[in-house]
Structure formats: structure tokens, C-alpha cells
């Protein structure tokens, strides 16, 4: 399996409203941390996740998290 690109070594802290979102898993999206279709032609697929509570979330920016799409601090070891 290929390694995802690392757009940044810190989380994207975003205010989200309840609903469905697509997290970029390849690291190529120009709309980080969300998918813009840049994964086309790769083995990567975006990850759909659902939010039920309006608040700030820390979404992984390094694409190496063990708890996608949420940051788990893995970027500290890169």
C-alpha cells in the first residue's frame, strides 16, 4: 500500500455542524481536510464520517492517524 502525502504535521481544527463529511485520506486534496476528488487514480478513498454534535473537531492533517479521521497525535512522531 502506498503512503499518503502529509499536508501538515498538525491537526485541522474545524467547527462542524451535524451532518456527513468526507475526510481526505490521500493528502492530495486542495480542500484539506476534506476530499476534493484528488485521490482519483490512486488506491486511496475518502472516508465518510458523521457528526451529531456541533462543535470543534481536530481532524488529522498528517494522514497517519490510527483513529481516522480524528487526530490521535501521531504527527508528533513524524
PDB file of N, CA and C in Angstrom:
ATOM      1  N   UNK A   1       0.842  -1.184   0.000  1.00  0.00           N
ATOM      2  CA  UNK A   1       0.000   0.000   0.000  1.00  0.00           C
ATOM      3  C   UNK A   1       0.884   1.244   0.000  1.00  0.00           C
ATOM      4  N   UNK A   2       0.492   2.227  -0.761  1.00  0.00           N
ATOM      5  CA  UNK A   2       1.224   3.490  -0.842  1.00  0.00           C
ATOM      6  C   UNK A   2       1.031   4.297   0.429  1.00  0.00           C
ATOM      7  N   UNK A   3       1.952   5.203   0.660  1.00  0.00           N
ATOM      8  CA  UNK A   3       1.860   6.117   1.799  1.00  0.00           C
ATOM      9  C   UNK A   3       1.148   7.394   1.360  1.00  0.00           C
ATOM     10  N   UNK A   4       0.247   7.870   2.182  1.00  0.00           N
ATOM     11  CA  UNK A   4      -0.456   9.122   1.893  1.00  0.00           C
ATOM     12  C   UNK A   4       0.505  10.296   2.011  1.00  0.00           C
ATOM     13  N   UNK A   5       0.231  11.360   1.275  1.00  0.00           N
ATOM     14  CA  UNK A   5       1.001  12.592   1.419  1.00  0.00           C
ATOM     15  C   UNK A   5       0.635  13.232   2.755  1.00  0.00           C
ATOM     16  N   UNK A   6       1.554  14.019   3.304  1.00  0.00           N
ATOM     17  CA  UNK A   6       1.350  14.671   4.598  1.00  0.00           C
ATOM     18  C   UNK A   6       1.213  16.175   4.378  1.00  0.00           C
ATOM     19  N   UNK A   7      -0.017  16.690   4.269  1.00  0.00           N
ATOM     20  CA  UNK A   7      -0.191  18.113   4.012  1.00  0.00           C
ATOM     21  C   UNK A   7       0.258  19.008   5.166  1.00  0.00           C
ATOM     22  N   UNK A   8       0.166  18.518   6.415  1.00  0.00           N
ATOM     23  CA  UNK A   8       0.676  19.289   7.554  1.00  0.00           C
ATOM     24  C   UNK A   8       0.836  18.378   8.764  1.00  0.00           C
ATOM     25  N   UNK A   9       1.805  18.704   9.609  1.00  0.00           N
ATOM     26  CA  UNK A   9       2.094  17.894  10.795  1.00  0.00           C
ATOM     27  C   UNK A   9       1.415  18.456  12.034  1.00  0.00           C
ATOM     28  N   UNK A  10       0.148  18.721  11.892  1.00  0.00           N
ATOM     29  CA  UNK A  10      -0.718  19.145  12.990  1.00  0.00           C
ATOM     30  C   UNK A  10      -2.147  18.937  12.530  1.00  0.00           C
ATOM     31  N   UNK A  11      -3.087  18.884  13.467  1.00  0.00           N
ATOM     32  CA  UNK A  11      -4.480  18.663  13.062  1.00  0.00           C
ATOM     33  C   UNK A  11      -5.102  19.905  12.434  1.00  0.00           C
ATOM     34  N   UNK A  12      -6.155  19.673  11.693  1.00  0.00           N
ATOM     35  CA  UNK A  12      -7.018  20.745  11.205  1.00  0.00           C
ATOM     36  C   UNK A  12      -8.138  20.867  12.237  1.00  0.00           C
ATOM     37  N   UNK A  13      -8.199  21.970  12.946  1.00  0.00           N
ATOM     38  CA  UNK A  13      -9.256  22.176  13.932  1.00  0.00           C
ATOM     39  C   UNK A  13     -10.375  22.930  13.223  1.00  0.00           C
ATOM     40  N   UNK A  14     -11.513  22.262  13.098  1.00  0.00           N
ATOM     41  CA  UNK A  14     -12.629  22.812  12.328  1.00  0.00           C
ATOM     42  C   UNK A  14     -13.923  22.748  13.125  1.00  0.00           C
ATOM     43  N   UNK A  15     -14.739  23.765  12.963  1.00  0.00           N
ATOM     44  CA  UNK A  15     -16.069  23.814  13.569  1.00  0.00           C
ATOM     45  C   UNK A  15     -17.021  23.114  12.605  1.00  0.00           C
ATOM     46  N   UNK A  16     -17.625  22.028  13.049  1.00  0.00           N
ATOM     47  CA  UNK A  16     -18.529  21.269  12.187  1.00  0.00           C
ATOM     48  C   UNK A  16     -19.934  21.249  12.757  1.00  0.00           C
ATOM     49  N   UNK A  17     -20.890  21.255  11.865  1.00  0.00           N
ATOM     50  CA  UNK A  17     -22.300  21.134  12.203  1.00  0.00           C
ATOM     51  C   UNK A  17     -22.719  19.680  11.969  1.00  0.00           C
ATOM     52  N   UNK A  18     -23.792  19.233  12.592  1.00  0.00           N
ATOM     53  CA  UNK A  18     -24.250  17.869  12.344  1.00  0.00           C
ATOM     54  C   UNK A  18     -24.434  17.597  10.851  1.00  0.00           C
ATOM     55  N   UNK A  19     -23.986  16.431  10.435  1.00  0.00           N
ATOM     56  CA  UNK A  19     -24.099  16.040   9.034  1.00  0.00           C
ATOM     57  C   UNK A  19     -23.002  15.068   8.652  1.00  0.00           C
ATOM     58  N   UNK A  20     -22.931  14.751   7.359  1.00  0.00           N
ATOM     59  CA  UNK A  20     -21.924  13.841   6.816  1.00  0.00           C
ATOM     60  C   UNK A  20     -20.824  14.633   6.138  1.00  0.00           C
ATOM     61  N   UNK A  21     -19.594  14.157   6.290  1.00  0.00           N
ATOM     62  CA  UNK A  21     -18.416  14.789   5.706  1.00  0.00           C
ATOM     63  C   UNK A  21     -17.522  13.711   5.114  1.00  0.00           C
ATOM     64  N   UNK A  22     -16.675  14.119   4.176  1.00  0.00           N
ATOM     65  CA  UNK A  22     -15.725  13.199   3.543  1.00  0.00           C
ATOM     66  C   UNK A  22     -14.313  13.698   3.834  1.00  0.00           C
ATOM     67  N   UNK A  23     -13.554  12.927   4.632  1.00  0.00           N
ATOM     68  CA  UNK A  23     -12.181  13.255   5.012  1.00  0.00           C
ATOM     69  C   UNK A  23     -11.215  12.745   3.943  1.00  0.00           C
ATOM     70  N   UNK A  24     -10.296  13.588   3.539  1.00  0.00           N
ATOM     71  CA  UNK A  24      -9.271  13.217   2.566  1.00  0.00           C
ATOM     72  C   UNK A  24      -8.280  12.260   3.225  1.00  0.00           C
ATOM     73  N   UNK A  25      -8.102  11.082   2.667  1.00  0.00           N
ATOM     74  CA  UNK A  25      -7.148  10.107   3.206  1.00  0.00           C
ATOM     75  C   UNK A  25      -5.841  10.065   2.423  1.00  0.00           C
ATOM     76  N   UNK A  26      -5.816  10.664   1.223  1.00  0.00           N
ATOM     77  CA  UNK A  26      -4.617  10.601   0.376  1.00  0.00           C
ATOM     78  C   UNK A  26      -3.643  11.745   0.630  1.00  0.00           C
ATOM     79  N   UNK A  27      -4.151  12.854   1.164  1.00  0.00           N
ATOM     80  CA  UNK A  27      -3.306  14.019   1.417  1.00  0.00           C
ATOM     81  C   UNK A  27      -3.149  14.941   0.231  1.00  0.00           C
ATOM     82  N   UNK A  28      -3.798  14.658  -0.886  1.00  0.00           N
ATOM     83  CA  UNK A  28      -3.644  15.456  -2.110  1.00  0.00           C
ATOM     84  C   UNK A  28      -4.666  16.580  -2.256  1.00  0.00           C
ATOM     85  N   UNK A  29      -5.756  16.521  -1.519  1.00  0.00           N
ATOM     86  CA  UNK A  29      -6.849  17.487  -1.677  1.00  0.00           C
ATOM     87  C   UNK A  29      -6.383  18.916  -1.435  1.00  0.00           C
ATOM     88  N   UNK A  30      -6.888  19.822  -2.240  1.00  0.00           N
ATOM     89  CA  UNK A  30      -6.633  21.253  -2.054  1.00  0.00           C
ATOM     90  C   UNK A  30      -7.637  21.834  -1.057  1.00  0.00           C
ATOM     91  N   UNK A  31      -8.598  21.026  -0.617  1.00  0.00           N
ATOM     92  CA  UNK A  31      -9.631  21.454   0.324  1.00  0.00           C
ATOM     93  C   UNK A  31      -9.453  20.771   1.679  1.00  0.00           C
ATOM     94  N   UNK A  32      -8.218  20.568   2.109  1.00  0.00           N
ATOM     95  CA  UNK A  32      -7.935  19.873   3.365  1.00  0.00           C
ATOM     96  C   UNK A  32      -8.730  20.459   4.517  1.00  0.00           C
ATOM     97  N   UNK A  33      -9.216  19.615   5.398  1.00  0.00           N
ATOM     98  CA  UNK A  33      -9.007  18.178   5.494  1.00  0.00           C
ATOM     99  C   UNK A  33     -10.044  17.356   4.736  1.00  0.00           C
ATOM    100  N   UNK A  34     -10.808  18.010   3.883  1.00  0.00           N
ATOM    101  CA  UNK A  34     -11.897  17.342   3.180  1.00  0.00           C
ATOM    102  C   UNK A  34     -11.501  16.948   1.761  1.00  0.00           C
ATOM    103  N   UNK A  35     -12.156  15.933   1.251  1.00  0.00           N
ATOM    104  CA  UNK A  35     -11.874  15.401  -0.080  1.00  0.00           C
ATOM    105  C   UNK A  35     -12.359  16.340  -1.179  1.00  0.00           C
ATOM    106  N   UNK A  36     -11.529  16.483  -2.220  1.00  0.00           N
ATOM    107  CA  UNK A  36     -11.944  17.230  -3.419  1.00  0.00           C
ATOM    108  C   UNK A  36     -11.827  16.365  -4.671  1.00  0.00           C
ATOM    109  N   UNK A  37     -11.628  15.050  -4.489  1.00  0.00           N
ATOM    110  CA  UNK A  37     -11.529  14.130  -5.617  1.00  0.00           C
ATOM    111  C   UNK A  37     -10.121  13.907  -6.124  1.00  0.00           C
ATOM    112  N   UNK A  38      -9.121  14.499  -5.479  1.00  0.00           N
ATOM    113  CA  UNK A  38      -7.731  14.373  -5.938  1.00  0.00           C
ATOM    114  C   UNK A  38      -7.173  12.964  -5.816  1.00  0.00           C
ATOM    115  N   UNK A  39      -7.864  12.084  -5.132  1.00  0.00           N
ATOM    116  CA  UNK A  39      -7.423  10.702  -4.987  1.00  0.00           C
ATOM    117  C   UNK A  39      -7.641   9.883  -6.263  1.00  0.00           C
ATOM    118  N   UNK A  40      -8.353  10.426  -7.227  1.00  0.00           N
ATOM    119  CA  UNK A  40      -8.653   9.683  -8.464  1.00  0.00           C
ATOM    120  C   UNK A  40      -7.370   9.128  -9.069  1.00  0.00           C
ATOM    121  N   UNK A  41      -7.396   7.857  -9.393  1.00  0.00           N
ATOM    122  CA  UNK A  41      -6.242   7.197  -9.984  1.00  0.00           C
ATOM    123  C   UNK A  41      -5.267   6.643  -8.959  1.00  0.00           C
ATOM    124  N   UNK A  42      -5.594   6.768  -7.675  1.00  0.00           N
ATOM    125  CA  UNK A  42      -4.751   6.203  -6.615  1.00  0.00           C
ATOM    126  C   UNK A  42      -5.521   5.087  -5.928  1.00  0.00           C
ATOM    127  N   UNK A  43      -4.890   4.419  -4.998  1.00  0.00           N
ATOM    128  CA  UNK A  43      -5.566   3.372  -4.231  1.00  0.00           C
ATOM    129  C   UNK A  43      -6.338   3.935  -3.035  1.00  0.00           C
ATOM    130  N   UNK A  44      -6.264   5.236  -2.819  1.00  0.00           N
ATOM    131  CA  UNK A  44      -6.913   5.872  -1.679  1.00  0.00           C
ATOM    132  C   UNK A  44      -8.367   6.197  -1.970  1.00  0.00           C
ATOM    133  N   UNK A  45      -9.173   6.159  -0.905  1.00  0.00           N
ATOM    134  CA  UNK A  45     -10.579   6.531  -0.972  1.00  0.00           C
ATOM    135  C   UNK A  45     -10.861   7.464   0.193  1.00  0.00           C
ATOM    136  N   UNK A  46     -11.738   8.449   0.009  1.00  0.00           N
ATOM    137  CA  UNK A  46     -12.089   9.313   1.131  1.00  0.00           C
ATOM    138  C   UNK A  46     -12.886   8.527   2.172  1.00  0.00           C
ATOM    139  N   UNK A  47     -12.853   9.035   3.390  1.00  0.00           N
ATOM    140  CA  UNK A  47     -13.563   8.390   4.481  1.00  0.00           C
ATOM    141  C   UNK A  47     -14.768   9.240   4.868  1.00  0.00           C
ATOM    142  N   UNK A  48     -15.957   8.655   4.745  1.00  0.00           N
ATOM    143  CA  UNK A  48     -17.163   9.365   5.172  1.00  0.00           C
ATOM    144  C   UNK A  48     -17.291   9.231   6.689  1.00  0.00           C
ATOM    145  N   UNK A  49     -17.593  10.351   7.344  1.00  0.00           N
ATOM    146  CA  UNK A  49     -17.864  10.313   8.774  1.00  0.00           C
ATOM    147  C   UNK A  49     -19.045  11.219   9.071  1.00  0.00           C
ATOM    148  N   UNK A  50     -19.746  10.893  10.142  1.00  0.00           N
ATOM    149  CA  UNK A  50     -20.952  11.636  10.506  1.00  0.00           C
ATOM    150  C   UNK A  50     -20.739  12.342  11.842  1.00  0.00           C
ATOM    151  N   UNK A  51     -21.184  13.577  11.892  1.00  0.00           N
ATOM    152  CA  UNK A  51     -21.103  14.395  13.091  1.00  0.00           C
ATOM    153  C   UNK A  51     -22.521  14.576  13.631  1.00  0.00           C
ATOM    154  N   UNK A  52     -22.692  14.363  14.929  1.00  0.00           N
ATOM    155  CA  UNK A  52     -24.017  14.516  15.539  1.00  0.00           C
ATOM    156  C   UNK A  52     -24.099  15.728  16.460  1.00  0.00           C
ATOM    157  N   UNK A  53     -22.942  16.293  16.805  1.00  0.00           N
ATOM    158  CA  UNK A  53     -22.914  17.435  17.717  1.00  0.00           C
ATOM    159  C   UNK A  53     -22.110  18.572  17.104  1.00  0.00           C
ATOM    160  N   UNK A  54     -22.670  19.770  17.084  1.00  0.00           N
ATOM    161  CA  UNK A  54     -21.967  20.946  16.556  1.00  0.00           C
ATOM    162  C   UNK A  54     -20.900  21.362  17.557  1.00  0.00           C
ATOM    163  N   UNK A  55     -19.632  21.308  17.138  1.00  0.00           N
ATOM    164  CA  UNK A  55     -18.508  21.738  17.966  1.00  0.00           C
ATOM    165  C   UNK A  55     -17.237  21.698  17.130  1.00  0.00           C
ATOM    166  N   UNK A  56     -16.103  22.038  17.748  1.00  0.00           N
ATOM    167  CA  UNK A  56     -14.813  21.972  17.071  1.00  0.00           C
ATOM    168  C   UNK A  56     -14.270  20.547  17.153  1.00  0.00           C
ATOM    169  N   UNK A  57     -13.701  20.102  16.037  1.00  0.00           N
ATOM    170  CA  UNK A  57     -13.093  18.780  15.953  1.00  0.00           C
ATOM    171  C   UNK A  57     -11.675  18.923  15.431  1.00  0.00           C
ATOM    172  N   UNK A  58     -10.773  18.063  15.890  1.00  0.00           N
ATOM    173  CA  UNK A  58      -9.393  18.035  15.410  1.00  0.00           C
ATOM    174  C   UNK A  58      -9.284  16.876  14.421  1.00  0.00           C
ATOM    175  N   UNK A  59      -9.238  17.215  13.126  1.00  0.00           N
ATOM    176  CA  UNK A  59      -9.135  16.201  12.080  1.00  0.00           C
ATOM    177  C   UNK A  59      -7.673  16.044  11.685  1.00  0.00           C
ATOM    178  N   UNK A  60      -7.264  14.820  11.458  1.00  0.00           N
ATOM    179  CA  UNK A  60      -5.864  14.510  11.162  1.00  0.00           C
ATOM    180  C   UNK A  60      -5.367  15.259   9.927  1.00  0.00           C
ATOM    181  N   UNK A  61      -4.200  15.879  10.061  1.00  0.00           N
ATOM    182  CA  UNK A  61      -3.572  16.585   8.948  1.00  0.00           C
ATOM    183  C   UNK A  61      -2.407  15.828   8.349  1.00  0.00           C
ATOM    184  N   UNK A  62      -1.828  14.877   9.107  1.00  0.00           N
ATOM    185  CA  UNK A  62      -0.662  14.136   8.607  1.00  0.00           C
ATOM    186  C   UNK A  62      -1.063  12.876   7.854  1.00  0.00           C
ATOM    187  N   UNK A  63      -2.313  12.461   7.981  1.00  0.00           N
ATOM    188  CA  UNK A  63      -2.886  11.286   7.308  1.00  0.00           C
ATOM    189  C   UNK A  63      -2.332   9.962   7.835  1.00  0.00           C
ATOM    190  N   UNK A  64      -1.720   9.971   9.017  1.00  0.00           N
ATOM    191  CA  UNK A  64      -1.147   8.760   9.610  1.00  0.00           C
ATOM    192  C   UNK A  64      -1.875   8.322  10.876  1.00  0.00           C
ATOM    193  N   UNK A  65      -2.958   9.002  11.245  1.00  0.00           N
ATOM    194  CA  UNK A  65      -3.691   8.690  12.466  1.00  0.00           C
ATOM    195  C   UNK A  65      -4.155   7.237  12.502  1.00  0.00           C
ATOM    196  N   UNK A  66      -4.276   6.698  13.701  1.00  0.00           N
ATOM    197  CA  UNK A  66      -4.825   5.359  13.889  1.00  0.00           C
ATOM    198  C   UNK A  66      -6.321   5.420  14.199  1.00  0.00           C
ATOM    199  N   UNK A  67      -6.861   6.648  14.254  1.00  0.00           N
ATOM    200  CA  UNK A  67      -8.282   6.862  14.553  1.00  0.00           C
ATOM    201  C   UNK A  67      -8.912   7.796  13.515  1.00  0.00           C
ATOM    202  N   UNK A  68      -8.798   7.467  12.220  1.00  0.00           N
ATOM    203  CA  UNK A  68      -9.300   8.379  11.189  1.00  0.00           C
ATOM    204  C   UNK A  68     -10.793   8.644  11.335  1.00  0.00           C
ATOM    205  N   UNK A  69     -11.225   9.854  11.096  1.00  0.00           N
ATOM    206  CA  UNK A  69     -10.492  10.999  10.582  1.00  0.00           C
ATOM    207  C   UNK A  69      -9.886  11.892  11.671  1.00  0.00           C
ATOM    208  N   UNK A  70      -9.986  11.449  12.913  1.00  0.00           N
ATOM    209  CA  UNK A  70      -9.604  12.305  14.030  1.00  0.00           C
ATOM    210  C   UNK A  70      -8.120  12.191  14.371  1.00  0.00           C
ATOM    211  N   UNK A  71      -7.547  13.297  14.792  1.00  0.00           N
ATOM    212  CA  UNK A  71      -6.142  13.336  15.176  1.00  0.00           C
ATOM    213  C   UNK A  71      -5.931  12.523  16.446  1.00  0.00           C
ATOM    214  N   UNK A  72      -4.874  11.702  16.470  1.00  0.00           N
ATOM    215  CA  UNK A  72      -4.520  10.949  17.665  1.00  0.00           C
ATOM    216  C   UNK A  72      -3.101  11.288  18.137  1.00  0.00           C
ATOM    217  N   UNK A  73      -2.498  12.332  17.558  1.00  0.00           N
ATOM    218  CA  UNK A  73      -1.161  12.760  17.980  1.00  0.00           C
ATOM    219  C   UNK A  73      -0.026  12.091  17.235  1.00  0.00           C
ATOM    220  N   UNK A  74      -0.320  11.224  16.270  1.00  0.00           N
ATOM    221  CA  UNK A  74       0.726  10.533  15.516  1.00  0.00           C
ATOM    222  C   UNK A  74       1.702  11.505  14.876  1.00  0.00           C
ATOM    223  N   UNK A  75       1.244  12.700  14.493  1.00  0.00           N
ATOM    224  CA  UNK A  75       2.109  13.684  13.826  1.00  0.00           C
ATOM    225  C   UNK A  75       3.312  14.067  14.682  1.00  0.00           C
ATOM    226  N   UNK A  76       3.219  13.900  15.985  1.00  0.00           N
ATOM    227  CA  UNK A  76       4.323  14.249  16.886  1.00  0.00           C
ATOM    228  C   UNK A  76       5.525  13.329  16.697  1.00  0.00           C
ATOM    229  N   UNK A  77       5.302  12.141  16.124  1.00  0.00           N
ATOM    230  CA  UNK A  77       6.374  11.161  15.924  1.00  0.00           C
ATOM    231  C   UNK A  77       6.921  11.165  14.492  1.00  0.00           C
ATOM    232  N   UNK A  78       6.432  12.037  13.653  1.00  0.00           N
ATOM    233  CA  UNK A  78       6.887  12.064  12.248  1.00  0.00           C
ATOM    234  C   UNK A  78       8.147  12.879  12.099  1.00  0.00           C
TER     235      UNK A  78
END
